[in-house]
Amino acid sequence: MIRVLLVDDHPVVRAGYARLLTQDEGIEVVAEAGNADEAYQAYALHLPDVTITDVSMPGVGGLGLVQKIRVRYPLARLLICSMHDSPPLVERVFQTGANGFVSKNAQPDALVLAVHEVHAGRPFNSEAQMQPTGSHNLQEEMRRVASLTPREYEILRLLTLGHSVAECADMMHLSQKTVSNHQTQIKEKLDVHTLAAMVHLAQRHGVIAGGGF
C-alpha cells in the first residue's frame, strides 16, 4: 500500500485528489495539509511514501516545502502538481528536488500513474512532450528564469504575489537586508527594473498566475 500525504490550500481540491487516488486499491491517503508548515509537521508524523503538493499556497509554497523536506528526509518521494506547466516551472520543480510533476491540465489517470512511478523511484513528468515556444524573446526569458537559485525563485514568487520585503523575510526566516539583496540580484538576472515588469514576467512563465499564483 502506497501511503500518501496531500498538500493543497483548497479543501475541495484535496477531497478530489483523495477520491481519485483511493479508487486505486494500492493507494491510501494517510494525511492532508493546507500549507507548508502543516505539511512538514504531517510528514514528520506520518512519514508517507509519497507527498503530493501544489506549488501555490499561502506563505512558503510547494517548492519551499520540497526543499525543506528534502534536507531532513533525503529519501522522500515528492510530487508537485500545478495548474501552470510552463517549461521554466517544470524545470524548477526538478531542480528543487521533486521526483515528479503533474499538470492539473493532465488527464486524471496521470496523477495515479505519477504516484506509482515516483514511489518506484522513477521520475515522472506529465509534460514530457512539451512544445517549444517558438519565440526567441520568450526563450531568453525562460533561460533567465531558469538561472535563478531556488531561494531567488521563492523570493520572486513571494514578491510578485504582493508580499513586502519584510513579509518575505519573515516567511523565509531571513533578514530584510538579505531579501533586499536577493531582490536586486533577481532584477539583474531577469533584466527587469520595476516590480510591475517583474510581475508580468512571472505571469508569463507560470511563477504566478494572472491574478495571483
N, C-alpha and C. Protein backbone atom coordinates (compact mmCIF):
# COMPACT_ATOMS: atom_id res chain seq x y z
N MET A 1 0.84 -1.20 0.00
CA MET A 1 0.00 0.00 0.00
C MET A 1 0.88 1.25 0.00
N ILE A 2 0.63 2.17 -0.92
CA ILE A 2 1.36 3.43 -1.00
C ILE A 2 0.64 4.46 -0.15
N ARG A 3 1.33 4.96 0.89
CA ARG A 3 0.74 5.92 1.82
C ARG A 3 1.06 7.34 1.34
N VAL A 4 -0.01 8.14 1.16
CA VAL A 4 0.13 9.45 0.52
C VAL A 4 -0.26 10.58 1.47
N LEU A 5 0.53 11.66 1.43
CA LEU A 5 0.20 12.92 2.10
C LEU A 5 -0.22 13.92 1.03
N LEU A 6 -1.41 14.52 1.17
CA LEU A 6 -1.92 15.50 0.23
C LEU A 6 -1.75 16.91 0.80
N VAL A 7 -1.19 17.82 -0.01
CA VAL A 7 -0.96 19.19 0.45
C VAL A 7 -1.53 20.16 -0.58
N ASP A 8 -2.56 20.89 -0.18
CA ASP A 8 -3.17 21.91 -1.04
C ASP A 8 -3.98 22.82 -0.14
N ASP A 9 -3.99 24.12 -0.42
CA ASP A 9 -4.71 25.03 0.47
C ASP A 9 -6.21 25.07 0.19
N HIS A 10 -6.67 24.31 -0.79
CA HIS A 10 -8.11 24.24 -1.09
C HIS A 10 -8.66 22.87 -0.66
N PRO A 11 -9.50 22.81 0.37
CA PRO A 11 -10.05 21.53 0.83
C PRO A 11 -10.79 20.75 -0.25
N VAL A 12 -11.47 21.46 -1.16
CA VAL A 12 -12.20 20.78 -2.22
C VAL A 12 -11.24 20.06 -3.16
N VAL A 13 -10.10 20.69 -3.44
CA VAL A 13 -9.09 20.06 -4.30
C VAL A 13 -8.53 18.81 -3.62
N ARG A 14 -8.22 18.93 -2.33
CA ARG A 14 -7.71 17.76 -1.60
C ARG A 14 -8.72 16.63 -1.62
N ALA A 15 -9.99 16.96 -1.44
CA ALA A 15 -11.03 15.93 -1.44
C ALA A 15 -11.11 15.25 -2.80
N GLY A 16 -10.97 16.04 -3.86
CA GLY A 16 -10.99 15.46 -5.20
C GLY A 16 -9.82 14.54 -5.45
N TYR A 17 -8.63 14.97 -5.02
CA TYR A 17 -7.45 14.12 -5.14
C TYR A 17 -7.64 12.82 -4.37
N ALA A 18 -8.16 12.95 -3.14
CA ALA A 18 -8.33 11.77 -2.30
C ALA A 18 -9.27 10.76 -2.94
N ARG A 19 -10.38 11.24 -3.48
CA ARG A 19 -11.33 10.33 -4.15
C ARG A 19 -10.69 9.65 -5.34
N LEU A 20 -9.96 10.43 -6.12
CA LEU A 20 -9.30 9.87 -7.30
C LEU A 20 -8.27 8.81 -6.92
N LEU A 21 -7.43 9.14 -5.95
CA LEU A 21 -6.34 8.24 -5.59
C LEU A 21 -6.83 6.97 -4.93
N THR A 22 -7.83 7.07 -4.07
CA THR A 22 -8.27 5.89 -3.32
C THR A 22 -9.13 4.95 -4.16
N GLN A 23 -9.43 5.34 -5.40
CA GLN A 23 -10.04 4.39 -6.32
C GLN A 23 -9.05 3.29 -6.69
N ASP A 24 -7.76 3.61 -6.53
CA ASP A 24 -6.71 2.61 -6.73
C ASP A 24 -6.51 1.87 -5.42
N GLU A 25 -6.67 0.56 -5.44
CA GLU A 25 -6.60 -0.23 -4.22
C GLU A 25 -5.21 -0.23 -3.59
N GLY A 26 -4.21 0.22 -4.35
CA GLY A 26 -2.85 0.23 -3.82
C GLY A 26 -2.43 1.55 -3.21
N ILE A 27 -3.37 2.52 -3.10
CA ILE A 27 -3.05 3.84 -2.59
C ILE A 27 -3.95 4.18 -1.40
N GLU A 28 -3.36 4.73 -0.36
CA GLU A 28 -4.10 5.16 0.83
C GLU A 28 -3.66 6.58 1.18
N VAL A 29 -4.60 7.49 1.38
CA VAL A 29 -4.30 8.85 1.82
C VAL A 29 -4.26 8.85 3.35
N VAL A 30 -3.08 9.08 3.91
CA VAL A 30 -2.92 8.98 5.36
C VAL A 30 -2.99 10.33 6.07
N ALA A 31 -2.82 11.42 5.32
CA ALA A 31 -2.85 12.74 5.95
C ALA A 31 -3.06 13.82 4.89
N GLU A 32 -3.57 14.98 5.34
CA GLU A 32 -3.75 16.13 4.48
C GLU A 32 -3.24 17.38 5.20
N ALA A 33 -2.87 18.39 4.41
CA ALA A 33 -2.41 19.65 4.99
C ALA A 33 -2.77 20.80 4.05
N GLY A 34 -2.98 21.98 4.65
CA GLY A 34 -3.38 23.14 3.85
C GLY A 34 -2.29 24.15 3.61
N ASN A 35 -1.11 23.96 4.23
CA ASN A 35 0.01 24.86 3.99
C ASN A 35 1.30 24.11 4.28
N ALA A 36 2.44 24.78 3.99
CA ALA A 36 3.73 24.11 4.08
C ALA A 36 4.09 23.73 5.51
N ASP A 37 3.76 24.59 6.47
CA ASP A 37 4.10 24.28 7.86
C ASP A 37 3.33 23.06 8.35
N GLU A 38 2.03 23.02 8.07
CA GLU A 38 1.22 21.86 8.45
C GLU A 38 1.74 20.61 7.74
N ALA A 39 2.12 20.77 6.49
CA ALA A 39 2.58 19.62 5.71
C ALA A 39 3.88 19.05 6.27
N TYR A 40 4.79 19.94 6.67
CA TYR A 40 6.06 19.46 7.22
C TYR A 40 5.83 18.69 8.51
N GLN A 41 4.95 19.20 9.35
CA GLN A 41 4.62 18.50 10.59
C GLN A 41 3.95 17.16 10.30
N ALA A 42 3.04 17.16 9.31
CA ALA A 42 2.35 15.92 8.95
C ALA A 42 3.32 14.89 8.38
N TYR A 43 4.30 15.39 7.62
CA TYR A 43 5.29 14.47 7.06
C TYR A 43 6.09 13.80 8.19
N ALA A 44 6.54 14.60 9.14
CA ALA A 44 7.33 14.06 10.25
C ALA A 44 6.52 13.05 11.07
N LEU A 45 5.21 13.31 11.18
CA LEU A 45 4.36 12.43 11.99
C LEU A 45 4.03 11.12 11.27
N HIS A 46 3.74 11.21 9.98
CA HIS A 46 3.24 10.04 9.25
C HIS A 46 4.29 9.36 8.36
N LEU A 47 5.36 10.08 8.00
CA LEU A 47 6.39 9.55 7.09
C LEU A 47 5.75 8.84 5.90
N PRO A 48 5.00 9.60 5.10
CA PRO A 48 4.29 8.99 3.95
C PRO A 48 5.27 8.48 2.90
N ASP A 49 4.79 7.58 2.07
CA ASP A 49 5.60 7.06 0.96
C ASP A 49 5.73 8.10 -0.15
N VAL A 50 4.65 8.84 -0.41
CA VAL A 50 4.64 9.87 -1.46
C VAL A 50 3.90 11.09 -0.93
N THR A 51 4.48 12.26 -1.14
CA THR A 51 3.82 13.52 -0.80
C THR A 51 3.45 14.24 -2.09
N ILE A 52 2.18 14.65 -2.19
CA ILE A 52 1.70 15.40 -3.34
C ILE A 52 1.41 16.82 -2.87
N THR A 53 2.06 17.81 -3.47
CA THR A 53 1.85 19.20 -3.06
C THR A 53 1.62 20.13 -4.24
N ASP A 54 0.74 21.08 -4.04
CA ASP A 54 0.56 22.16 -5.01
C ASP A 54 1.76 23.09 -4.91
N VAL A 55 2.00 23.87 -5.95
CA VAL A 55 3.06 24.88 -5.90
C VAL A 55 2.57 26.10 -5.13
N SER A 56 1.34 26.52 -5.42
CA SER A 56 0.82 27.77 -4.87
C SER A 56 0.09 27.54 -3.56
N MET A 57 0.65 28.10 -2.48
CA MET A 57 0.00 28.06 -1.17
C MET A 57 0.38 29.33 -0.41
N PRO A 58 -0.42 29.72 0.58
CA PRO A 58 -0.06 30.89 1.36
C PRO A 58 1.30 30.69 2.04
N GLY A 59 2.08 31.78 2.11
CA GLY A 59 3.39 31.67 2.73
C GLY A 59 4.35 30.93 1.82
N VAL A 60 5.17 30.11 2.42
CA VAL A 60 6.12 29.32 1.63
C VAL A 60 5.34 28.34 0.77
N GLY A 61 5.65 28.29 -0.52
CA GLY A 61 4.91 27.44 -1.45
C GLY A 61 5.42 26.02 -1.48
N GLY A 62 4.90 25.27 -2.46
CA GLY A 62 5.24 23.85 -2.56
C GLY A 62 6.71 23.59 -2.82
N LEU A 63 7.36 24.47 -3.58
CA LEU A 63 8.78 24.26 -3.85
C LEU A 63 9.61 24.44 -2.59
N GLY A 64 9.22 25.42 -1.77
CA GLY A 64 9.89 25.59 -0.50
C GLY A 64 9.69 24.39 0.42
N LEU A 65 8.49 23.82 0.38
CA LEU A 65 8.20 22.62 1.17
C LEU A 65 9.06 21.45 0.71
N VAL A 66 9.19 21.29 -0.60
CA VAL A 66 10.03 20.21 -1.14
C VAL A 66 11.46 20.34 -0.64
N GLN A 67 11.99 21.56 -0.71
CA GLN A 67 13.36 21.77 -0.24
C GLN A 67 13.51 21.43 1.23
N LYS A 68 12.54 21.86 2.04
CA LYS A 68 12.61 21.65 3.48
C LYS A 68 12.55 20.16 3.82
N ILE A 69 11.65 19.45 3.18
CA ILE A 69 11.54 18.01 3.43
C ILE A 69 12.79 17.29 2.95
N ARG A 70 13.29 17.69 1.78
CA ARG A 70 14.43 17.01 1.17
C ARG A 70 15.68 17.10 2.06
N VAL A 71 15.84 18.24 2.75
CA VAL A 71 17.01 18.42 3.61
C VAL A 71 17.02 17.40 4.74
N ARG A 72 15.87 17.22 5.39
CA ARG A 72 15.82 16.32 6.54
C ARG A 72 15.54 14.88 6.14
N TYR A 73 14.80 14.69 5.05
CA TYR A 73 14.43 13.34 4.62
C TYR A 73 14.88 13.14 3.17
N PRO A 74 16.14 12.86 2.95
CA PRO A 74 16.68 12.81 1.59
C PRO A 74 16.06 11.73 0.70
N LEU A 75 15.44 10.73 1.29
CA LEU A 75 14.83 9.67 0.50
C LEU A 75 13.35 9.89 0.24
N ALA A 76 12.84 11.05 0.62
CA ALA A 76 11.41 11.34 0.43
C ALA A 76 11.03 11.29 -1.04
N ARG A 77 9.81 10.84 -1.31
CA ARG A 77 9.25 10.83 -2.67
C ARG A 77 8.26 11.99 -2.75
N LEU A 78 8.59 12.99 -3.58
CA LEU A 78 7.85 14.25 -3.60
C LEU A 78 7.33 14.55 -5.00
N LEU A 79 6.03 14.82 -5.07
CA LEU A 79 5.36 15.03 -6.35
C LEU A 79 4.67 16.39 -6.34
N ILE A 80 4.96 17.20 -7.34
CA ILE A 80 4.38 18.55 -7.46
C ILE A 80 3.23 18.53 -8.45
N CYS A 81 2.13 19.19 -8.09
CA CYS A 81 1.02 19.43 -9.01
C CYS A 81 0.86 20.93 -9.19
N SER A 82 0.53 21.36 -10.40
CA SER A 82 0.31 22.78 -10.62
C SER A 82 -0.59 22.99 -11.83
N MET A 83 -1.38 24.06 -11.78
CA MET A 83 -2.19 24.42 -12.94
C MET A 83 -1.33 25.06 -14.02
N HIS A 84 -0.10 25.42 -13.67
CA HIS A 84 0.83 26.01 -14.63
C HIS A 84 1.85 24.95 -15.03
N ASP A 85 2.12 24.87 -16.31
CA ASP A 85 3.03 23.82 -16.79
C ASP A 85 4.05 24.38 -17.76
N SER A 86 4.46 25.63 -17.56
CA SER A 86 5.47 26.22 -18.43
C SER A 86 6.81 25.50 -18.24
N PRO A 87 7.63 25.44 -19.27
CA PRO A 87 8.93 24.76 -19.15
C PRO A 87 9.79 25.26 -18.00
N PRO A 88 9.89 26.59 -17.76
CA PRO A 88 10.72 27.02 -16.63
C PRO A 88 10.22 26.50 -15.29
N LEU A 89 8.90 26.46 -15.12
CA LEU A 89 8.36 25.96 -13.86
C LEU A 89 8.66 24.48 -13.70
N VAL A 90 8.44 23.70 -14.74
CA VAL A 90 8.69 22.26 -14.66
C VAL A 90 10.17 22.00 -14.38
N GLU A 91 11.04 22.74 -15.05
CA GLU A 91 12.47 22.59 -14.81
C GLU A 91 12.81 22.92 -13.37
N ARG A 92 12.20 23.99 -12.85
CA ARG A 92 12.45 24.39 -11.47
C ARG A 92 11.99 23.33 -10.48
N VAL A 93 10.87 22.69 -10.79
CA VAL A 93 10.34 21.63 -9.92
C VAL A 93 11.40 20.55 -9.69
N PHE A 94 12.03 20.10 -10.76
CA PHE A 94 13.02 19.03 -10.63
C PHE A 94 14.33 19.55 -10.04
N GLN A 95 14.70 20.80 -10.36
CA GLN A 95 15.91 21.38 -9.77
C GLN A 95 15.77 21.49 -8.25
N THR A 96 14.56 21.74 -7.80
CA THR A 96 14.32 21.91 -6.37
C THR A 96 14.42 20.60 -5.61
N GLY A 97 14.23 19.50 -6.30
CA GLY A 97 14.37 18.21 -5.64
C GLY A 97 13.14 17.33 -5.69
N ALA A 98 12.10 17.77 -6.40
CA ALA A 98 10.92 16.92 -6.54
C ALA A 98 11.22 15.73 -7.45
N ASN A 99 10.48 14.65 -7.23
CA ASN A 99 10.64 13.44 -8.04
C ASN A 99 9.71 13.43 -9.25
N GLY A 100 8.68 14.26 -9.22
CA GLY A 100 7.74 14.23 -10.31
C GLY A 100 6.91 15.50 -10.41
N PHE A 101 6.31 15.70 -11.59
CA PHE A 101 5.44 16.85 -11.85
C PHE A 101 4.21 16.39 -12.60
N VAL A 102 3.04 16.84 -12.15
CA VAL A 102 1.79 16.58 -12.85
C VAL A 102 1.06 17.89 -13.06
N SER A 103 0.77 18.20 -14.31
CA SER A 103 -0.03 19.37 -14.61
C SER A 103 -1.48 19.10 -14.24
N LYS A 104 -2.14 20.10 -13.68
CA LYS A 104 -3.57 19.96 -13.37
C LYS A 104 -4.41 19.93 -14.63
N ASN A 105 -3.77 20.19 -15.76
CA ASN A 105 -4.46 20.08 -17.05
C ASN A 105 -4.37 18.67 -17.63
N ALA A 106 -3.58 17.80 -16.98
CA ALA A 106 -3.42 16.43 -17.47
C ALA A 106 -4.66 15.61 -17.17
N GLN A 107 -4.74 14.44 -17.79
CA GLN A 107 -5.83 13.52 -17.51
C GLN A 107 -5.75 13.02 -16.07
N PRO A 108 -6.88 12.76 -15.42
CA PRO A 108 -6.86 12.32 -14.02
C PRO A 108 -5.98 11.10 -13.76
N ASP A 109 -5.96 10.18 -14.71
CA ASP A 109 -5.15 8.97 -14.53
C ASP A 109 -3.67 9.30 -14.37
N ALA A 110 -3.25 10.48 -14.86
CA ALA A 110 -1.84 10.85 -14.77
C ALA A 110 -1.38 10.96 -13.32
N LEU A 111 -2.25 11.42 -12.45
CA LEU A 111 -1.87 11.57 -11.05
C LEU A 111 -1.66 10.21 -10.39
N VAL A 112 -2.55 9.28 -10.68
CA VAL A 112 -2.41 7.93 -10.13
C VAL A 112 -1.14 7.27 -10.64
N LEU A 113 -0.90 7.41 -11.93
CA LEU A 113 0.31 6.84 -12.52
C LEU A 113 1.55 7.49 -11.91
N ALA A 114 1.51 8.80 -11.71
CA ALA A 114 2.65 9.51 -11.14
C ALA A 114 2.99 9.01 -9.74
N VAL A 115 1.97 8.75 -8.93
CA VAL A 115 2.20 8.24 -7.58
C VAL A 115 2.93 6.91 -7.64
N HIS A 116 2.49 6.02 -8.51
CA HIS A 116 3.15 4.72 -8.63
C HIS A 116 4.57 4.85 -9.15
N GLU A 117 4.78 5.72 -10.14
CA GLU A 117 6.11 5.88 -10.72
C GLU A 117 7.08 6.50 -9.71
N VAL A 118 6.65 7.55 -9.04
CA VAL A 118 7.51 8.21 -8.06
C VAL A 118 7.80 7.27 -6.89
N HIS A 119 6.80 6.52 -6.46
CA HIS A 119 7.01 5.56 -5.36
C HIS A 119 8.05 4.51 -5.75
N ALA A 120 8.06 4.15 -7.02
CA ALA A 120 9.01 3.14 -7.51
C ALA A 120 10.40 3.72 -7.75
N GLY A 121 10.55 5.02 -7.53
CA GLY A 121 11.86 5.63 -7.71
C GLY A 121 12.14 6.14 -9.10
N ARG A 122 11.08 6.23 -9.92
CA ARG A 122 11.24 6.71 -11.29
C ARG A 122 10.68 8.12 -11.41
N PRO A 123 11.41 9.06 -12.02
CA PRO A 123 10.89 10.41 -12.20
C PRO A 123 9.68 10.41 -13.12
N PHE A 124 8.77 11.33 -12.88
CA PHE A 124 7.57 11.41 -13.71
C PHE A 124 7.32 12.86 -14.08
N ASN A 125 7.02 13.10 -15.36
CA ASN A 125 6.71 14.44 -15.85
C ASN A 125 5.57 14.34 -16.85
N SER A 126 4.40 14.81 -16.47
CA SER A 126 3.24 14.73 -17.36
C SER A 126 3.41 15.62 -18.57
N GLU A 127 4.37 16.54 -18.53
CA GLU A 127 4.59 17.47 -19.64
C GLU A 127 5.86 17.13 -20.42
N ALA A 128 6.20 15.85 -20.45
CA ALA A 128 7.45 15.44 -21.10
C ALA A 128 7.49 15.78 -22.58
N GLN A 129 6.35 15.92 -23.19
CA GLN A 129 6.31 16.21 -24.63
C GLN A 129 5.96 17.67 -24.90
N MET A 130 6.43 18.56 -24.04
CA MET A 130 6.13 19.98 -24.20
C MET A 130 6.62 20.50 -25.53
N GLN A 131 5.84 21.39 -26.11
CA GLN A 131 6.21 22.01 -27.38
C GLN A 131 7.07 23.24 -27.14
N PRO A 132 8.05 23.51 -28.02
CA PRO A 132 8.84 24.74 -27.87
C PRO A 132 7.98 25.98 -28.08
N THR A 133 8.34 27.07 -27.47
CA THR A 133 7.54 28.28 -27.58
C THR A 133 7.63 28.92 -28.96
N GLY A 134 8.74 28.74 -29.64
CA GLY A 134 8.90 29.33 -30.96
C GLY A 134 9.22 30.82 -30.91
N SER A 135 9.42 31.36 -29.74
CA SER A 135 9.70 32.78 -29.60
C SER A 135 11.08 32.97 -28.97
N HIS A 136 11.94 33.68 -29.69
CA HIS A 136 13.29 33.91 -29.16
C HIS A 136 13.24 34.68 -27.85
N ASN A 137 12.39 35.71 -27.79
CA ASN A 137 12.31 36.52 -26.58
C ASN A 137 11.83 35.69 -25.40
N LEU A 138 10.82 34.88 -25.61
CA LEU A 138 10.32 34.04 -24.52
C LEU A 138 11.37 33.02 -24.10
N GLN A 139 12.09 32.48 -25.06
CA GLN A 139 13.12 31.51 -24.73
C GLN A 139 14.24 32.15 -23.92
N GLU A 140 14.58 33.39 -24.25
CA GLU A 140 15.59 34.10 -23.48
C GLU A 140 15.09 34.37 -22.06
N GLU A 141 13.81 34.74 -21.93
CA GLU A 141 13.24 34.93 -20.60
C GLU A 141 13.24 33.62 -19.81
N MET A 142 12.93 32.52 -20.50
CA MET A 142 12.94 31.21 -19.85
C MET A 142 14.34 30.90 -19.31
N ARG A 143 15.35 31.22 -20.11
CA ARG A 143 16.72 30.98 -19.68
C ARG A 143 17.04 31.81 -18.44
N ARG A 144 16.58 33.04 -18.42
CA ARG A 144 16.84 33.91 -17.27
C ARG A 144 16.14 33.39 -16.01
N VAL A 145 14.89 32.98 -16.16
CA VAL A 145 14.16 32.44 -15.00
C VAL A 145 14.85 31.18 -14.49
N ALA A 146 15.29 30.34 -15.41
CA ALA A 146 15.96 29.09 -15.02
C ALA A 146 17.28 29.34 -14.31
N SER A 147 17.86 30.52 -14.51
CA SER A 147 19.16 30.82 -13.89
C SER A 147 19.04 31.20 -12.42
N LEU A 148 17.82 31.46 -11.96
CA LEU A 148 17.63 31.84 -10.56
C LEU A 148 17.91 30.65 -9.64
N THR A 149 18.49 30.94 -8.50
CA THR A 149 18.69 29.89 -7.49
C THR A 149 17.33 29.57 -6.87
N PRO A 150 17.19 28.42 -6.20
CA PRO A 150 15.92 28.10 -5.54
C PRO A 150 15.45 29.20 -4.59
N ARG A 151 16.38 29.80 -3.83
CA ARG A 151 15.99 30.87 -2.90
C ARG A 151 15.51 32.09 -3.66
N GLU A 152 16.21 32.45 -4.74
CA GLU A 152 15.80 33.61 -5.54
C GLU A 152 14.43 33.37 -6.17
N TYR A 153 14.20 32.14 -6.62
CA TYR A 153 12.91 31.82 -7.25
C TYR A 153 11.78 31.99 -6.24
N GLU A 154 11.97 31.51 -5.01
CA GLU A 154 10.93 31.63 -4.00
C GLU A 154 10.69 33.09 -3.62
N ILE A 155 11.76 33.87 -3.53
CA ILE A 155 11.60 35.30 -3.25
C ILE A 155 10.87 35.99 -4.39
N LEU A 156 11.21 35.63 -5.63
CA LEU A 156 10.49 36.17 -6.79
C LEU A 156 9.00 35.87 -6.68
N ARG A 157 8.68 34.63 -6.34
CA ARG A 157 7.27 34.22 -6.25
C ARG A 157 6.54 35.04 -5.19
N LEU A 158 7.16 35.19 -4.03
CA LEU A 158 6.51 35.91 -2.93
C LEU A 158 6.38 37.40 -3.25
N LEU A 159 7.42 38.01 -3.80
CA LEU A 159 7.36 39.43 -4.13
C LEU A 159 6.30 39.71 -5.18
N THR A 160 6.23 38.86 -6.20
CA THR A 160 5.27 39.11 -7.28
C THR A 160 3.85 38.72 -6.88
N LEU A 161 3.69 38.05 -5.74
CA LEU A 161 2.36 37.83 -5.18
C LEU A 161 1.89 39.03 -4.37
N GLY A 162 2.80 40.00 -4.16
CA GLY A 162 2.42 41.20 -3.46
C GLY A 162 2.96 41.32 -2.05
N HIS A 163 3.79 40.37 -1.62
CA HIS A 163 4.36 40.44 -0.28
C HIS A 163 5.49 41.46 -0.25
N SER A 164 5.62 42.15 0.87
CA SER A 164 6.70 43.12 1.04
C SER A 164 8.00 42.39 1.35
N VAL A 165 9.10 43.13 1.29
CA VAL A 165 10.40 42.57 1.64
C VAL A 165 10.37 42.05 3.08
N ALA A 166 9.76 42.83 3.97
CA ALA A 166 9.68 42.42 5.37
C ALA A 166 8.88 41.12 5.53
N GLU A 167 7.78 41.00 4.79
CA GLU A 167 6.96 39.79 4.87
C GLU A 167 7.72 38.59 4.32
N CYS A 168 8.44 38.79 3.22
CA CYS A 168 9.24 37.71 2.64
C CYS A 168 10.30 37.25 3.64
N ALA A 169 10.94 38.21 4.27
CA ALA A 169 11.98 37.89 5.24
C ALA A 169 11.41 37.06 6.38
N ASP A 170 10.22 37.43 6.85
CA ASP A 170 9.59 36.70 7.95
C ASP A 170 9.21 35.29 7.53
N MET A 171 8.63 35.15 6.35
CA MET A 171 8.19 33.83 5.89
C MET A 171 9.35 32.89 5.59
N MET A 172 10.47 33.46 5.14
CA MET A 172 11.61 32.63 4.77
C MET A 172 12.70 32.58 5.84
N HIS A 173 12.42 33.23 6.98
CA HIS A 173 13.36 33.23 8.10
C HIS A 173 14.73 33.80 7.68
N LEU A 174 14.66 34.94 6.98
CA LEU A 174 15.86 35.64 6.53
C LEU A 174 15.81 37.07 7.03
N SER A 175 16.92 37.76 6.97
CA SER A 175 16.92 39.18 7.31
C SER A 175 16.36 39.98 6.14
N GLN A 176 15.82 41.17 6.45
CA GLN A 176 15.30 42.02 5.38
C GLN A 176 16.42 42.43 4.42
N LYS A 177 17.63 42.63 4.96
CA LYS A 177 18.75 43.01 4.10
C LYS A 177 19.07 41.89 3.10
N THR A 178 19.01 40.64 3.57
CA THR A 178 19.28 39.51 2.68
C THR A 178 18.24 39.44 1.57
N VAL A 179 16.97 39.61 1.94
CA VAL A 179 15.90 39.57 0.92
C VAL A 179 16.06 40.73 -0.05
N SER A 180 16.38 41.90 0.46
CA SER A 180 16.58 43.07 -0.40
C SER A 180 17.73 42.85 -1.38
N ASN A 181 18.81 42.25 -0.90
CA ASN A 181 19.94 41.96 -1.79
C ASN A 181 19.54 40.95 -2.86
N HIS A 182 18.77 39.94 -2.46
CA HIS A 182 18.30 38.96 -3.44
C HIS A 182 17.38 39.61 -4.46
N GLN A 183 16.54 40.54 -4.00
CA GLN A 183 15.64 41.24 -4.92
C GLN A 183 16.44 41.97 -6.01
N THR A 184 17.52 42.62 -5.60
CA THR A 184 18.38 43.30 -6.56
C THR A 184 18.98 42.32 -7.56
N GLN A 185 19.46 41.18 -7.04
CA GLN A 185 20.05 40.15 -7.90
C GLN A 185 19.02 39.60 -8.88
N ILE A 186 17.79 39.39 -8.40
CA ILE A 186 16.72 38.86 -9.25
C ILE A 186 16.44 39.82 -10.40
N LYS A 187 16.34 41.08 -10.09
CA LYS A 187 16.06 42.07 -11.14
C LYS A 187 17.18 42.09 -12.18
N GLU A 188 18.42 41.97 -11.70
CA GLU A 188 19.55 41.97 -12.64
C GLU A 188 19.51 40.72 -13.51
N LYS A 189 19.26 39.56 -12.91
CA LYS A 189 19.23 38.31 -13.68
C LYS A 189 18.09 38.30 -14.70
N LEU A 190 16.94 38.86 -14.30
CA LEU A 190 15.78 38.85 -15.19
C LEU A 190 15.77 40.05 -16.14
N ASP A 191 16.69 41.00 -15.93
CA ASP A 191 16.77 42.21 -16.74
C ASP A 191 15.46 42.99 -16.69
N VAL A 192 14.94 43.17 -15.48
CA VAL A 192 13.76 44.00 -15.26
C VAL A 192 14.14 45.06 -14.24
N HIS A 193 13.41 46.19 -14.28
CA HIS A 193 13.80 47.32 -13.44
C HIS A 193 12.70 47.77 -12.49
N THR A 194 11.49 47.25 -12.65
CA THR A 194 10.39 47.62 -11.78
C THR A 194 9.67 46.37 -11.30
N LEU A 195 8.93 46.51 -10.20
CA LEU A 195 8.15 45.39 -9.69
C LEU A 195 7.08 44.98 -10.70
N ALA A 196 6.47 45.97 -11.37
CA ALA A 196 5.43 45.65 -12.35
C ALA A 196 5.98 44.77 -13.47
N ALA A 197 7.17 45.11 -13.96
CA ALA A 197 7.79 44.31 -15.02
C ALA A 197 8.10 42.90 -14.51
N MET A 198 8.52 42.82 -13.27
CA MET A 198 8.82 41.53 -12.67
C MET A 198 7.55 40.68 -12.56
N VAL A 199 6.44 41.32 -12.19
CA VAL A 199 5.16 40.61 -12.08
C VAL A 199 4.73 40.07 -13.44
N HIS A 200 4.81 40.91 -14.47
CA HIS A 200 4.40 40.47 -15.81
C HIS A 200 5.25 39.30 -16.29
N LEU A 201 6.55 39.36 -16.04
CA LEU A 201 7.42 38.25 -16.44
C LEU A 201 7.06 36.98 -15.67
N ALA A 202 6.81 37.14 -14.38
CA ALA A 202 6.44 35.97 -13.56
C ALA A 202 5.14 35.35 -14.05
N GLN A 203 4.20 36.17 -14.48
CA GLN A 203 2.94 35.66 -15.02
C GLN A 203 3.15 34.91 -16.32
N ARG A 204 4.00 35.44 -17.18
CA ARG A 204 4.24 34.80 -18.49
C ARG A 204 4.84 33.41 -18.34
N HIS A 205 5.58 33.18 -17.27
CA HIS A 205 6.32 31.93 -17.14
C HIS A 205 5.82 31.05 -16.01
N GLY A 206 4.59 31.29 -15.56
CA GLY A 206 3.97 30.37 -14.63
C GLY A 206 4.49 30.43 -13.21
N VAL A 207 5.29 31.45 -12.88
CA VAL A 207 5.74 31.60 -11.49
C VAL A 207 4.54 31.99 -10.62
N ILE A 208 3.70 32.88 -11.17
CA ILE A 208 2.42 33.21 -10.56
C ILE A 208 1.37 33.21 -11.67
N ALA A 209 0.11 33.18 -11.29
CA ALA A 209 -0.97 33.25 -12.26
C ALA A 209 -1.32 34.70 -12.54
N GLY A 210 -2.21 34.91 -13.50
CA GLY A 210 -2.57 36.27 -13.88
C GLY A 210 -3.11 37.10 -12.74
N GLY A 211 -3.84 36.45 -11.84
CA GLY A 211 -4.42 37.20 -10.74
C GLY A 211 -3.80 36.83 -9.41
N GLY A 212 -2.63 36.22 -9.43
CA GLY A 212 -2.01 35.72 -8.21
C GLY A 212 -1.80 34.24 -8.35
N PHE A 213 -0.75 33.72 -7.82
CA PHE A 213 -0.36 32.31 -8.07
C PHE A 213 -1.07 31.36 -7.15
